[in-house]
PDB file of N, CA and C in Angstrom:
ATOM      1  N   UNK A   1     -20.224  95.239  79.579  1.00  0.00           N
ATOM      2  CA  UNK A   1     -19.073  94.803  80.316  1.00  0.00           C
ATOM      3  C   UNK A   1     -19.085  93.292  80.377  1.00  0.00           C
ATOM      4  N   UNK A   2     -17.892  92.688  80.288  1.00  0.00           N
ATOM      5  CA  UNK A   2     -17.769  91.239  80.321  1.00  0.00           C
ATOM      6  C   UNK A   2     -16.649  90.850  81.277  1.00  0.00           C
ATOM      7  N   UNK A   3     -16.922  89.928  82.158  1.00  0.00           N
ATOM      8  CA  UNK A   3     -15.912  89.376  83.042  1.00  0.00           C
ATOM      9  C   UNK A   3     -15.444  88.075  82.424  1.00  0.00           C
ATOM     10  N   UNK A   4     -14.126  87.974  82.152  1.00  0.00           N
ATOM     11  CA  UNK A   4     -13.574  86.799  81.484  1.00  0.00           C
ATOM     12  C   UNK A   4     -12.543  86.158  82.378  1.00  0.00           C
ATOM     13  N   UNK A   5     -12.707  84.883  82.631  1.00  0.00           N
ATOM     14  CA  UNK A   5     -11.667  84.125  83.340  1.00  0.00           C
ATOM     15  C   UNK A   5     -10.654  83.695  82.312  1.00  0.00           C
ATOM     16  N   UNK A   6      -9.397  84.019  82.568  1.00  0.00           N
ATOM     17  CA  UNK A   6      -8.406  83.606  81.588  1.00  0.00           C
ATOM     18  C   UNK A   6      -7.778  82.264  81.933  1.00  0.00           C
ATOM     19  N   UNK A   7      -7.869  81.844  83.181  1.00  0.00           N
ATOM     20  CA  UNK A   7      -7.325  80.551  83.603  1.00  0.00           C
ATOM     21  C   UNK A   7      -8.136  80.018  84.769  1.00  0.00           C
ATOM     22  N   UNK A   8      -8.167  78.736  84.897  1.00  0.00           N
ATOM     23  CA  UNK A   8      -8.747  78.107  86.082  1.00  0.00           C
ATOM     24  C   UNK A   8      -7.624  77.270  86.689  1.00  0.00           C
ATOM     25  N   UNK A   9      -6.964  77.849  87.676  1.00  0.00           N
ATOM     26  CA  UNK A   9      -5.806  77.199  88.295  1.00  0.00           C
ATOM     27  C   UNK A   9      -5.977  77.155  89.809  1.00  0.00           C
ATOM     28  N   UNK A  10      -5.403  76.129  90.440  1.00  0.00           N
ATOM     29  CA  UNK A  10      -5.479  76.066  91.895  1.00  0.00           C
ATOM     30  C   UNK A  10      -4.458  76.967  92.580  1.00  0.00           C
ATOM     31  N   UNK A  11      -3.652  77.704  91.813  1.00  0.00           N
ATOM     32  CA  UNK A  11      -2.639  78.561  92.430  1.00  0.00           C
ATOM     33  C   UNK A  11      -2.930  80.031  92.132  1.00  0.00           C
ATOM     34  N   UNK A  12      -2.230  80.885  92.828  1.00  0.00           N
ATOM     35  CA  UNK A  12      -2.410  82.322  92.658  1.00  0.00           C
ATOM     36  C   UNK A  12      -1.932  82.764  91.275  1.00  0.00           C
ATOM     37  N   UNK A  13      -2.722  83.593  90.630  1.00  0.00           N
ATOM     38  CA  UNK A  13      -2.383  84.113  89.317  1.00  0.00           C
ATOM     39  C   UNK A  13      -2.927  85.529  89.218  1.00  0.00           C
ATOM     40  N   UNK A  14      -2.118  86.466  88.745  1.00  0.00           N
ATOM     41  CA  UNK A  14      -2.554  87.841  88.586  1.00  0.00           C
ATOM     42  C   UNK A  14      -2.186  88.337  87.189  1.00  0.00           C
ATOM     43  N   UNK A  15      -2.826  89.419  86.789  1.00  0.00           N
ATOM     44  CA  UNK A  15      -2.531  90.055  85.505  1.00  0.00           C
ATOM     45  C   UNK A  15      -1.962  91.436  85.768  1.00  0.00           C
ATOM     46  N   UNK A  16      -0.928  91.825  85.008  1.00  0.00           N
ATOM     47  CA  UNK A  16      -0.377  93.159  85.190  1.00  0.00           C
ATOM     48  C   UNK A  16      -0.435  93.993  83.916  1.00  0.00           C
ATOM     49  N   UNK A  17      -0.715  93.382  82.787  1.00  0.00           N
ATOM     50  CA  UNK A  17      -0.730  94.122  81.521  1.00  0.00           C
ATOM     51  C   UNK A  17      -1.835  93.580  80.623  1.00  0.00           C
ATOM     52  N   UNK A  18      -2.523  94.473  79.940  1.00  0.00           N
ATOM     53  CA  UNK A  18      -3.537  94.109  78.950  1.00  0.00           C
ATOM     54  C   UNK A  18      -3.277  94.975  77.724  1.00  0.00           C
ATOM     55  N   UNK A  19      -3.353  94.391  76.530  1.00  0.00           N
ATOM     56  CA  UNK A  19      -3.144  95.152  75.295  1.00  0.00           C
ATOM     57  C   UNK A  19      -4.099  94.664  74.222  1.00  0.00           C
ATOM     58  N   UNK A  20      -4.464  95.571  73.337  1.00  0.00           N
ATOM     59  CA  UNK A  20      -5.320  95.252  72.203  1.00  0.00           C
ATOM     60  C   UNK A  20      -4.463  95.312  70.944  1.00  0.00           C
ATOM     61  N   UNK A  21      -4.556  94.285  70.100  1.00  0.00           N
ATOM     62  CA  UNK A  21      -3.815  94.254  68.852  1.00  0.00           C
ATOM     63  C   UNK A  21      -4.247  95.371  67.913  1.00  0.00           C
ATOM     64  N   UNK A  22      -3.425  95.672  66.924  1.00  0.00           N
ATOM     65  CA  UNK A  22      -3.683  96.770  65.988  1.00  0.00           C
ATOM     66  C   UNK A  22      -5.032  96.653  65.290  1.00  0.00           C
ATOM     67  N   UNK A  23      -5.454  95.436  64.984  1.00  0.00           N
ATOM     68  CA  UNK A  23      -6.718  95.233  64.265  1.00  0.00           C
ATOM     69  C   UNK A  23      -7.931  95.451  65.166  1.00  0.00           C
ATOM     70  N   UNK A  24      -7.715  95.421  66.483  1.00  0.00           N
ATOM     71  CA  UNK A  24      -8.819  95.523  67.424  1.00  0.00           C
ATOM     72  C   UNK A  24      -9.564  94.212  67.610  1.00  0.00           C
ATOM     73  N   UNK A  25      -9.103  93.152  66.952  1.00  0.00           N
ATOM     74  CA  UNK A  25      -9.785  91.866  67.024  1.00  0.00           C
ATOM     75  C   UNK A  25      -9.127  90.875  67.978  1.00  0.00           C
ATOM     76  N   UNK A  26      -8.019  91.289  68.626  1.00  0.00           N
ATOM     77  CA  UNK A  26      -7.305  90.408  69.544  1.00  0.00           C
ATOM     78  C   UNK A  26      -6.937  91.190  70.800  1.00  0.00           C
ATOM     79  N   UNK A  27      -7.129  90.567  71.971  1.00  0.00           N
ATOM     80  CA  UNK A  27      -6.733  91.148  73.255  1.00  0.00           C
ATOM     81  C   UNK A  27      -5.750  90.189  73.918  1.00  0.00           C
ATOM     82  N   UNK A  28      -4.685  90.742  74.486  1.00  0.00           N
ATOM     83  CA  UNK A  28      -3.662  89.961  75.174  1.00  0.00           C
ATOM     84  C   UNK A  28      -3.639  90.352  76.649  1.00  0.00           C
ATOM     85  N   UNK A  29      -3.315  89.403  77.518  1.00  0.00           N
ATOM     86  CA  UNK A  29      -3.173  89.683  78.944  1.00  0.00           C
ATOM     87  C   UNK A  29      -2.069  88.830  79.541  1.00  0.00           C
ATOM     88  N   UNK A  30      -1.288  89.413  80.451  1.00  0.00           N
ATOM     89  CA  UNK A  30      -0.216  88.645  81.089  1.00  0.00           C
ATOM     90  C   UNK A  30      -0.764  87.826  82.251  1.00  0.00           C
ATOM     91  N   UNK A  31      -0.216  86.655  82.449  1.00  0.00           N
ATOM     92  CA  UNK A  31      -0.569  85.780  83.575  1.00  0.00           C
ATOM     93  C   UNK A  31       0.666  85.595  84.445  1.00  0.00           C
ATOM     94  N   UNK A  32       0.708  86.339  85.556  1.00  0.00           N
ATOM     95  CA  UNK A  32       1.820  86.237  86.496  1.00  0.00           C
ATOM     96  C   UNK A  32       1.465  85.131  87.485  1.00  0.00           C
ATOM     97  N   UNK A  33       2.178  84.067  87.433  1.00  0.00           N
ATOM     98  CA  UNK A  33       1.873  82.872  88.229  1.00  0.00           C
ATOM     99  C   UNK A  33       1.854  81.694  87.281  1.00  0.00           C
ATOM    100  N   UNK A  34       1.101  81.818  86.213  1.00  0.00           N
ATOM    101  CA  UNK A  34       1.064  80.813  85.154  1.00  0.00           C
ATOM    102  C   UNK A  34       2.207  81.047  84.164  1.00  0.00           C
ATOM    103  N   UNK A  35       2.813  82.250  84.193  1.00  0.00           N
ATOM    104  CA  UNK A  35       3.926  82.622  83.312  1.00  0.00           C
ATOM    105  C   UNK A  35       3.543  82.461  81.846  1.00  0.00           C
ATOM    106  N   UNK A  36       2.462  83.138  81.475  1.00  0.00           N
ATOM    107  CA  UNK A  36       1.978  83.023  80.107  1.00  0.00           C
ATOM    108  C   UNK A  36       1.327  84.324  79.655  1.00  0.00           C
ATOM    109  N   UNK A  37       1.055  84.383  78.355  1.00  0.00           N
ATOM    110  CA  UNK A  37       0.284  85.472  77.769  1.00  0.00           C
ATOM    111  C   UNK A  37      -1.031  84.869  77.300  1.00  0.00           C
ATOM    112  N   UNK A  38      -2.137  85.383  77.835  1.00  0.00           N
ATOM    113  CA  UNK A  38      -3.466  84.920  77.420  1.00  0.00           C
ATOM    114  C   UNK A  38      -3.850  85.665  76.142  1.00  0.00           C
ATOM    115  N   UNK A  39      -4.497  84.956  75.228  1.00  0.00           N
ATOM    116  CA  UNK A  39      -4.907  85.538  73.955  1.00  0.00           C
ATOM    117  C   UNK A  39      -6.412  85.345  73.797  1.00  0.00           C
ATOM    118  N   UNK A  40      -7.120  86.438  73.493  1.00  0.00           N
ATOM    119  CA  UNK A  40      -8.571  86.396  73.316  1.00  0.00           C
ATOM    120  C   UNK A  40      -8.942  86.988  71.967  1.00  0.00           C
ATOM    121  N   UNK A  41      -9.886  86.367  71.280  1.00  0.00           N
ATOM    122  CA  UNK A  41     -10.452  86.924  70.055  1.00  0.00           C
ATOM    123  C   UNK A  41     -11.610  87.835  70.445  1.00  0.00           C
ATOM    124  N   UNK A  42     -11.775  88.932  69.711  1.00  0.00           N
ATOM    125  CA  UNK A  42     -12.862  89.870  69.953  1.00  0.00           C
ATOM    126  C   UNK A  42     -13.880  89.710  68.827  1.00  0.00           C
ATOM    127  N   UNK A  43     -15.117  89.410  69.185  1.00  0.00           N
ATOM    128  CA  UNK A  43     -16.181  89.311  68.177  1.00  0.00           C
ATOM    129  C   UNK A  43     -16.423  90.696  67.591  1.00  0.00           C
ATOM    130  N   UNK A  44     -16.341  90.800  66.274  1.00  0.00           N
ATOM    131  CA  UNK A  44     -16.450  92.104  65.614  1.00  0.00           C
ATOM    132  C   UNK A  44     -17.819  92.759  65.794  1.00  0.00           C
ATOM    133  N   UNK A  45     -18.858  91.976  65.965  1.00  0.00           N
ATOM    134  CA  UNK A  45     -20.207  92.530  66.104  1.00  0.00           C
ATOM    135  C   UNK A  45     -20.545  92.863  67.546  1.00  0.00           C
ATOM    136  N   UNK A  46     -20.325  91.891  68.449  1.00  0.00           N
ATOM    137  CA  UNK A  46     -20.747  92.067  69.839  1.00  0.00           C
ATOM    138  C   UNK A  46     -19.648  92.581  70.763  1.00  0.00           C
ATOM    139  N   UNK A  47     -18.384  92.400  70.364  1.00  0.00           N
ATOM    140  CA  UNK A  47     -17.268  92.785  71.235  1.00  0.00           C
ATOM    141  C   UNK A  47     -16.963  91.764  72.309  1.00  0.00           C
ATOM    142  N   UNK A  48     -17.656  90.632  72.300  1.00  0.00           N
ATOM    143  CA  UNK A  48     -17.453  89.585  73.302  1.00  0.00           C
ATOM    144  C   UNK A  48     -16.090  88.922  73.091  1.00  0.00           C
ATOM    145  N   UNK A  49     -15.386  88.684  74.192  1.00  0.00           N
ATOM    146  CA  UNK A  49     -14.076  88.021  74.144  1.00  0.00           C
ATOM    147  C   UNK A  49     -14.236  86.516  74.250  1.00  0.00           C
ATOM    148  N   UNK A  50     -13.440  85.791  73.450  1.00  0.00           N
ATOM    149  CA  UNK A  50     -13.398  84.328  73.498  1.00  0.00           C
ATOM    150  C   UNK A  50     -11.944  83.908  73.638  1.00  0.00           C
ATOM    151  N   UNK A  51     -11.610  83.053  74.630  1.00  0.00           N
ATOM    152  CA  UNK A  51     -10.223  82.601  74.767  1.00  0.00           C
ATOM    153  C   UNK A  51      -9.750  81.861  73.521  1.00  0.00           C
ATOM    154  N   UNK A  52      -8.560  82.231  73.042  1.00  0.00           N
ATOM    155  CA  UNK A  52      -7.920  81.562  71.896  1.00  0.00           C
ATOM    156  C   UNK A  52      -6.854  80.599  72.401  1.00  0.00           C
ATOM    157  N   UNK A  53      -6.114  81.016  73.441  1.00  0.00           N
ATOM    158  CA  UNK A  53      -5.072  80.156  73.983  1.00  0.00           C
ATOM    159  C   UNK A  53      -4.175  80.901  74.949  1.00  0.00           C
ATOM    160  N   UNK A  54      -3.186  80.194  75.431  1.00  0.00           N
ATOM    161  CA  UNK A  54      -2.210  80.718  76.373  1.00  0.00           C
ATOM    162  C   UNK A  54      -0.839  80.315  75.885  1.00  0.00           C
ATOM    163  N   UNK A  55       0.038  81.292  75.718  1.00  0.00           N
ATOM    164  CA  UNK A  55       1.392  81.033  75.240  1.00  0.00           C
ATOM    165  C   UNK A  55       2.377  81.282  76.375  1.00  0.00           C
ATOM    166  N   UNK A  56       3.352  80.380  76.566  1.00  0.00           N
ATOM    167  CA  UNK A  56       4.368  80.601  77.600  1.00  0.00           C
ATOM    168  C   UNK A  56       5.089  81.929  77.370  1.00  0.00           C
ATOM    169  N   UNK A  57       5.370  82.640  78.437  1.00  0.00           N
ATOM    170  CA  UNK A  57       6.076  83.919  78.330  1.00  0.00           C
ATOM    171  C   UNK A  57       7.585  83.716  78.202  1.00  0.00           C
ATOM    172  N   UNK A  58       8.019  82.468  78.217  1.00  0.00           N
ATOM    173  CA  UNK A  58       9.441  82.123  78.081  1.00  0.00           C
ATOM    174  C   UNK A  58      10.281  82.678  79.230  1.00  0.00           C
ATOM    175  N   UNK A  59       9.657  82.863  80.389  1.00  0.00           N
ATOM    176  CA  UNK A  59      10.350  83.339  81.574  1.00  0.00           C
ATOM    177  C   UNK A  59       9.405  83.284  82.760  1.00  0.00           C
ATOM    178  N   UNK A  60       9.789  83.937  83.848  1.00  0.00           N
ATOM    179  CA  UNK A  60       8.970  83.927  85.056  1.00  0.00           C
ATOM    180  C   UNK A  60       8.392  85.312  85.333  1.00  0.00           C
ATOM    181  N   UNK A  61       7.116  85.329  85.686  1.00  0.00           N
ATOM    182  CA  UNK A  61       6.391  86.519  86.111  1.00  0.00           C
ATOM    183  C   UNK A  61       6.383  87.620  85.039  1.00  0.00           C
ATOM    184  N   UNK A  62       5.647  87.431  83.947  1.00  0.00           N
ATOM    185  CA  UNK A  62       5.583  88.487  82.933  1.00  0.00           C
ATOM    186  C   UNK A  62       4.895  89.733  83.489  1.00  0.00           C
ATOM    187  N   UNK A  63       5.674  90.781  83.668  1.00  0.00           N
ATOM    188  CA  UNK A  63       5.159  92.015  84.262  1.00  0.00           C
ATOM    189  C   UNK A  63       4.574  92.940  83.206  1.00  0.00           C
ATOM    190  N   UNK A  64       5.320  93.188  82.149  1.00  0.00           N
ATOM    191  CA  UNK A  64       4.873  94.043  81.059  1.00  0.00           C
ATOM    192  C   UNK A  64       5.077  93.314  79.745  1.00  0.00           C
ATOM    193  N   UNK A  65       4.351  93.728  78.729  1.00  0.00           N
ATOM    194  CA  UNK A  65       4.604  93.243  77.379  1.00  0.00           C
ATOM    195  C   UNK A  65       4.083  94.286  76.409  1.00  0.00           C
ATOM    196  N   UNK A  66       4.539  94.195  75.175  1.00  0.00           N
ATOM    197  CA  UNK A  66       4.068  95.115  74.146  1.00  0.00           C
ATOM    198  C   UNK A  66       4.237  94.474  72.784  1.00  0.00           C
ATOM    199  N   UNK A  67       3.348  94.835  71.869  1.00  0.00           N
ATOM    200  CA  UNK A  67       3.501  94.450  70.477  1.00  0.00           C
ATOM    201  C   UNK A  67       4.416  95.469  69.810  1.00  0.00           C
ATOM    202  N   UNK A  68       5.269  95.012  68.894  1.00  0.00           N
ATOM    203  CA  UNK A  68       6.108  95.959  68.167  1.00  0.00           C
ATOM    204  C   UNK A  68       5.219  96.819  67.265  1.00  0.00           C
ATOM    205  N   UNK A  69       5.703  97.968  66.790  1.00  0.00           N
ATOM    206  CA  UNK A  69       4.861  98.874  66.006  1.00  0.00           C
ATOM    207  C   UNK A  69       4.220  98.235  64.772  1.00  0.00           C
ATOM    208  N   UNK A  70       4.869  97.246  64.165  1.00  0.00           N
ATOM    209  CA  UNK A  70       4.288  96.572  62.995  1.00  0.00           C
ATOM    210  C   UNK A  70       3.278  95.509  63.401  1.00  0.00           C
ATOM    211  N   UNK A  71       3.232  95.156  64.677  1.00  0.00           N
ATOM    212  CA  UNK A  71       2.299  94.143  65.157  1.00  0.00           C
ATOM    213  C   UNK A  71       2.735  92.722  64.851  1.00  0.00           C
ATOM    214  N   UNK A  72       4.025  92.531  64.553  1.00  0.00           N
ATOM    215  CA  UNK A  72       4.524  91.204  64.189  1.00  0.00           C
ATOM    216  C   UNK A  72       5.057  90.412  65.375  1.00  0.00           C
ATOM    217  N   UNK A  73       5.549  91.111  66.395  1.00  0.00           N
ATOM    218  CA  UNK A  73       6.167  90.442  67.536  1.00  0.00           C
ATOM    219  C   UNK A  73       5.595  90.970  68.837  1.00  0.00           C
ATOM    220  N   UNK A  74       5.585  90.108  69.836  1.00  0.00           N
ATOM    221  CA  UNK A  74       5.190  90.485  71.185  1.00  0.00           C
ATOM    222  C   UNK A  74       6.426  90.308  72.055  1.00  0.00           C
ATOM    223  N   UNK A  75       6.817  91.355  72.773  1.00  0.00           N
ATOM    224  CA  UNK A  75       7.955  91.306  73.687  1.00  0.00           C
ATOM    225  C   UNK A  75       7.413  91.231  75.105  1.00  0.00           C
ATOM    226  N   UNK A  76       7.797  90.187  75.841  1.00  0.00           N
ATOM    227  CA  UNK A  76       7.316  89.981  77.209  1.00  0.00           C
ATOM    228  C   UNK A  76       8.450  90.231  78.193  1.00  0.00           C
ATOM    229  N   UNK A  77       8.311  91.240  79.033  1.00  0.00           N
ATOM    230  CA  UNK A  77       9.322  91.550  80.046  1.00  0.00           C
ATOM    231  C   UNK A  77       9.010  90.732  81.299  1.00  0.00           C
ATOM    232  N   UNK A  78       9.820  89.706  81.539  1.00  0.00           N
ATOM    233  CA  UNK A  78       9.603  88.776  82.647  1.00  0.00           C
ATOM    234  C   UNK A  78      10.371  89.230  83.880  1.00  0.00           C
ATOM    235  N   UNK A  79       9.649  89.716  84.875  1.00  0.00           N
ATOM    236  CA  UNK A  79      10.247  90.259  86.088  1.00  0.00           C
ATOM    237  C   UNK A  79      11.033  89.215  86.871  1.00  0.00           C
ATOM    238  N   UNK A  80      10.520  88.008  86.974  1.00  0.00           N
ATOM    239  CA  UNK A  80      11.146  87.001  87.822  1.00  0.00           C
ATOM    240  C   UNK A  80      12.375  86.330  87.229  1.00  0.00           C
ATOM    241  N   UNK A  81      12.611  86.504  85.927  1.00  0.00           N
ATOM    242  CA  UNK A  81      13.781  85.872  85.309  1.00  0.00           C
ATOM    243  C   UNK A  81      14.663  86.878  84.569  1.00  0.00           C
ATOM    244  N   UNK A  82      14.327  88.169  84.652  1.00  0.00           N
ATOM    245  CA  UNK A  82      15.117  89.233  84.011  1.00  0.00           C
ATOM    246  C   UNK A  82      15.359  88.965  82.530  1.00  0.00           C
ATOM    247  N   UNK A  83      14.328  88.493  81.826  1.00  0.00           N
ATOM    248  CA  UNK A  83      14.446  88.236  80.394  1.00  0.00           C
ATOM    249  C   UNK A  83      13.314  88.932  79.652  1.00  0.00           C
ATOM    250  N   UNK A  84      13.537  89.161  78.363  1.00  0.00           N
ATOM    251  CA  UNK A  84      12.500  89.737  77.513  1.00  0.00           C
ATOM    252  C   UNK A  84      12.555  89.048  76.148  1.00  0.00           C
ATOM    253  N   UNK A  85      11.872  87.908  76.015  1.00  0.00           N
ATOM    254  CA  UNK A  85      11.874  87.211  74.734  1.00  0.00           C
ATOM    255  C   UNK A  85      10.995  87.909  73.703  1.00  0.00           C
ATOM    256  N   UNK A  86      11.374  87.723  72.448  1.00  0.00           N
ATOM    257  CA  UNK A  86      10.568  88.203  71.336  1.00  0.00           C
ATOM    258  C   UNK A  86       9.746  87.024  70.845  1.00  0.00           C
ATOM    259  N   UNK A  87       8.443  87.128  70.995  1.00  0.00           N
ATOM    260  CA  UNK A  87       7.548  86.065  70.565  1.00  0.00           C
ATOM    261  C   UNK A  87       6.971  86.433  69.205  1.00  0.00           C
ATOM    262  N   UNK A  88       7.213  85.603  68.197  1.00  0.00           N
ATOM    263  CA  UNK A  88       6.655  85.852  66.872  1.00  0.00           C
ATOM    264  C   UNK A  88       5.171  85.551  66.881  1.00  0.00           C
ATOM    265  N   UNK A  89       4.414  86.171  65.983  1.00  0.00           N
ATOM    266  CA  UNK A  89       2.976  85.955  65.937  1.00  0.00           C
ATOM    267  C   UNK A  89       2.612  85.148  64.703  1.00  0.00           C
ATOM    268  N   UNK A  90       1.709  84.198  64.884  1.00  0.00           N
ATOM    269  CA  UNK A  90       1.112  83.480  63.767  1.00  0.00           C
ATOM    270  C   UNK A  90      -0.386  83.533  63.988  1.00  0.00           C
ATOM    271  N   UNK A  91      -1.060  84.266  63.173  1.00  0.00           N
ATOM    272  CA  UNK A  91      -2.476  84.503  63.422  1.00  0.00           C
ATOM    273  C   UNK A  91      -2.611  85.394  64.639  1.00  0.00           C
ATOM    274  N   UNK A  92      -3.643  85.197  65.446  1.00  0.00           N
ATOM    275  CA  UNK A  92      -3.844  86.061  66.598  1.00  0.00           C
ATOM    276  C   UNK A  92      -2.970  85.714  67.791  1.00  0.00           C
ATOM    277  N   UNK A  93      -2.268  84.587  67.742  1.00  0.00           N
ATOM    278  CA  UNK A  93      -1.543  84.109  68.915  1.00  0.00           C
ATOM    279  C   UNK A  93      -0.037  84.252  68.751  1.00  0.00           C
ATOM    280  N   UNK A  94       0.681  84.634  69.837  1.00  0.00           N
ATOM    281  CA  UNK A  94       2.130  84.658  69.743  1.00  0.00           C
ATOM    282  C   UNK A  94       2.659  83.236  69.580  1.00  0.00           C
ATOM    283  N   UNK A  95       3.738  83.079  68.858  1.00  0.00           N
ATOM    284  CA  UNK A  95       4.362  81.776  68.687  1.00  0.00           C
ATOM    285  C   UNK A  95       5.499  81.634  69.691  1.00  0.00           C
ATOM    286  N   UNK A  96       6.017  80.445  69.811  1.00  0.00           N
ATOM    287  CA  UNK A  96       7.121  80.204  70.734  1.00  0.00           C
ATOM    288  C   UNK A  96       8.364  80.955  70.284  1.00  0.00           C
ATOM    289  N   UNK A  97       9.046  81.540  71.228  1.00  0.00           N
ATOM    290  CA  UNK A  97      10.266  82.288  70.924  1.00  0.00           C
ATOM    291  C   UNK A  97      11.450  81.344  70.819  1.00  0.00           C
ATOM    292  N   UNK A  98      12.416  81.737  70.010  1.00  0.00           N
ATOM    293  CA  UNK A  98      13.655  80.949  69.982  1.00  0.00           C
ATOM    294  C   UNK A  98      14.641  81.595  70.935  1.00  0.00           C
ATOM    295  N   UNK A  99      15.568  80.798  71.464  1.00  0.00           N
ATOM    296  CA  UNK A  99      16.495  81.266  72.489  1.00  0.00           C
ATOM    297  C   UNK A  99      17.316  82.470  72.079  1.00  0.00           C
ATOM    298  N   UNK A 100      17.652  82.597  70.801  1.00  0.00           N
ATOM    299  CA  UNK A 100      18.479  83.705  70.340  1.00  0.00           C
ATOM    300  C   UNK A 100      17.756  85.038  70.433  1.00  0.00           C
ATOM    301  N   UNK A 101      16.450  85.003  70.594  1.00  0.00           N
ATOM    302  CA  UNK A 101      15.676  86.234  70.637  1.00  0.00           C
ATOM    303  C   UNK A 101      15.475  86.780  72.045  1.00  0.00           C
ATOM    304  N   UNK A 102      16.129  86.192  73.048  1.00  0.00           N
ATOM    305  CA  UNK A 102      15.983  86.689  74.411  1.00  0.00           C
ATOM    306  C   UNK A 102      16.885  87.896  74.631  1.00  0.00           C
ATOM    307  N   UNK A 103      16.347  88.919  75.284  1.00  0.00           N
ATOM    308  CA  UNK A 103      17.100  90.101  75.651  1.00  0.00           C
ATOM    309  C   UNK A 103      17.121  90.206  77.167  1.00  0.00           C
ATOM    310  N   UNK A 104      18.157  90.856  77.704  1.00  0.00           N
ATOM    311  CA  UNK A 104      18.187  91.092  79.147  1.00  0.00           C
ATOM    312  C   UNK A 104      17.166  92.172  79.487  1.00  0.00           C
ATOM    313  N   UNK A 105      16.465  92.008  80.582  1.00  0.00           N
ATOM    314  CA  UNK A 105      15.461  92.984  81.022  1.00  0.00           C
ATOM    315  C   UNK A 105      15.472  93.029  82.540  1.00  0.00           C
ATOM    316  N   UNK A 106      16.350  93.833  83.129  1.00  0.00           N
ATOM    317  CA  UNK A 106      16.441  93.868  84.593  1.00  0.00           C
ATOM    318  C   UNK A 106      15.097  94.123  85.266  1.00  0.00           C
ATOM    319  N   UNK A 107      14.672  93.169  86.063  1.00  0.00           N
ATOM    320  CA  UNK A 107      13.460  93.247  86.853  1.00  0.00           C
ATOM    321  C   UNK A 107      12.190  93.458  86.026  1.00  0.00           C
ATOM    322  N   UNK A 108      12.193  93.035  84.775  1.00  0.00           N
ATOM    323  CA  UNK A 108      10.981  93.107  83.962  1.00  0.00           C
ATOM    324  C   UNK A 108      10.502  94.520  83.713  1.00  0.00           C
ATOM    325  N   UNK A 109      11.404  95.393  83.314  1.00  0.00           N
ATOM    326  CA  UNK A 109      11.040  96.789  83.061  1.00  0.00           C
ATOM    327  C   UNK A 109      10.024  96.896  81.935  1.00  0.00           C
ATOM    328  N   UNK A 110       9.352  98.010  81.860  1.00  0.00           N
ATOM    329  CA  UNK A 110       8.310  98.262  80.860  1.00  0.00           C
ATOM    330  C   UNK A 110       8.890  98.242  79.450  1.00  0.00           C
ATOM    331  N   UNK A 111       8.078  97.763  78.496  1.00  0.00           N
ATOM    332  CA  UNK A 111       8.459  97.733  77.094  1.00  0.00           C
ATOM    333  C   UNK A 111       7.795  98.921  76.406  1.00  0.00           C
ATOM    334  N   UNK A 112       8.611  99.795  75.789  1.00  0.00           N
ATOM    335  CA  UNK A 112       8.073 100.945  75.058  1.00  0.00           C
ATOM    336  C   UNK A 112       8.790 101.060  73.717  1.00  0.00           C
ATOM    337  N   UNK A 113       8.180 101.753  72.782  1.00  0.00           N
ATOM    338  CA  UNK A 113       8.760 101.943  71.453  1.00  0.00           C
ATOM    339  C   UNK A 113       9.000 103.423  71.225  1.00  0.00           C
ATOM    340  N   UNK A 114      10.120 103.732  70.568  1.00  0.00           N
ATOM    341  CA  UNK A 114      10.435 105.112  70.209  1.00  0.00           C
ATOM    342  C   UNK A 114      10.803 105.149  68.737  1.00  0.00           C
ATOM    343  N   UNK A 115      10.389 106.188  68.042  1.00  0.00           N
ATOM    344  CA  UNK A 115      10.715 106.347  66.633  1.00  0.00           C
ATOM    345  C   UNK A 115      12.097 106.984  66.549  1.00  0.00           C
ATOM    346  N   UNK A 116      13.104 106.176  66.216  1.00  0.00           N
ATOM    347  CA  UNK A 116      14.479 106.689  66.130  1.00  0.00           C
ATOM    348  C   UNK A 116      14.875 106.972  64.697  1.00  0.00           C
ATOM    349  N   UNK A 117      13.939 106.851  63.764  1.00  0.00           N
ATOM    350  CA  UNK A 117      14.260 107.119  62.366  1.00  0.00           C
ATOM    351  C   UNK A 117      14.123 108.602  62.034  1.00  0.00           C
ATOM    352  N   UNK A 118      13.400 109.340  62.858  1.00  0.00           N
ATOM    353  CA  UNK A 118      13.239 110.775  62.628  1.00  0.00           C
ATOM    354  C   UNK A 118      14.355 111.539  63.311  1.00  0.00           C
ATOM    355  N   UNK A 119      14.750 112.625  62.699  1.00  0.00           N
ATOM    356  CA  UNK A 119      15.761 113.492  63.298  1.00  0.00           C
ATOM    357  C   UNK A 119      15.158 114.345  64.381  1.00  0.00           C
ATOM    358  N   UNK A 120      15.988 115.175  65.017  1.00  0.00           N
ATOM    359  CA  UNK A 120      15.475 116.058  66.069  1.00  0.00           C
ATOM    360  C   UNK A 120      14.482 117.065  65.497  1.00  0.00           C
ATOM    361  N   UNK A 121      13.552 117.461  66.312  1.00  0.00           N
ATOM    362  CA  UNK A 121      12.570 118.463  65.918  1.00  0.00           C
ATOM    363  C   UNK A 121      13.270 119.809  65.747  1.00  0.00           C
ATOM    364  N   UNK A 122      12.914 120.571  64.699  1.00  0.00           N
ATOM    365  CA  UNK A 122      13.540 121.885  64.532  1.00  0.00           C
ATOM    366  C   UNK A 122      13.146 122.845  65.652  1.00  0.00           C
ATOM    367  N   UNK A 123      14.070 123.737  65.948  1.00  0.00           N
ATOM    368  CA  UNK A 123      13.645 124.750  66.864  1.00  0.00           C
ATOM    369  C   UNK A 123      14.437 124.968  68.031  1.00  0.00           C
TER     370      UNK A 123
END
């Protein structure tokens, strides 16, 4: 077990979501207060986490976030600003989102994916 500080700030900061990237080599965590997504690299041998950086969530109070099924984008549902920007990824870290990629997200609802390419199940 490892206890990792993701920020050292004089203000209140909490985490509400943690996710592991598809490769298993990157861990993401939301910072509510700092309004960012923390990014950690996972050592393949020991499993120890090392901070890579902190990317702005492009809104206030990131409550939930999720990587898209291809692992190319991170969507951050910001509770305090009712927005859900699409953050592109470059390497292990999300990149800054462009304004056109913001979606409305009332009260920072959860981000989930559904396979809509398949038809209804027979039966």
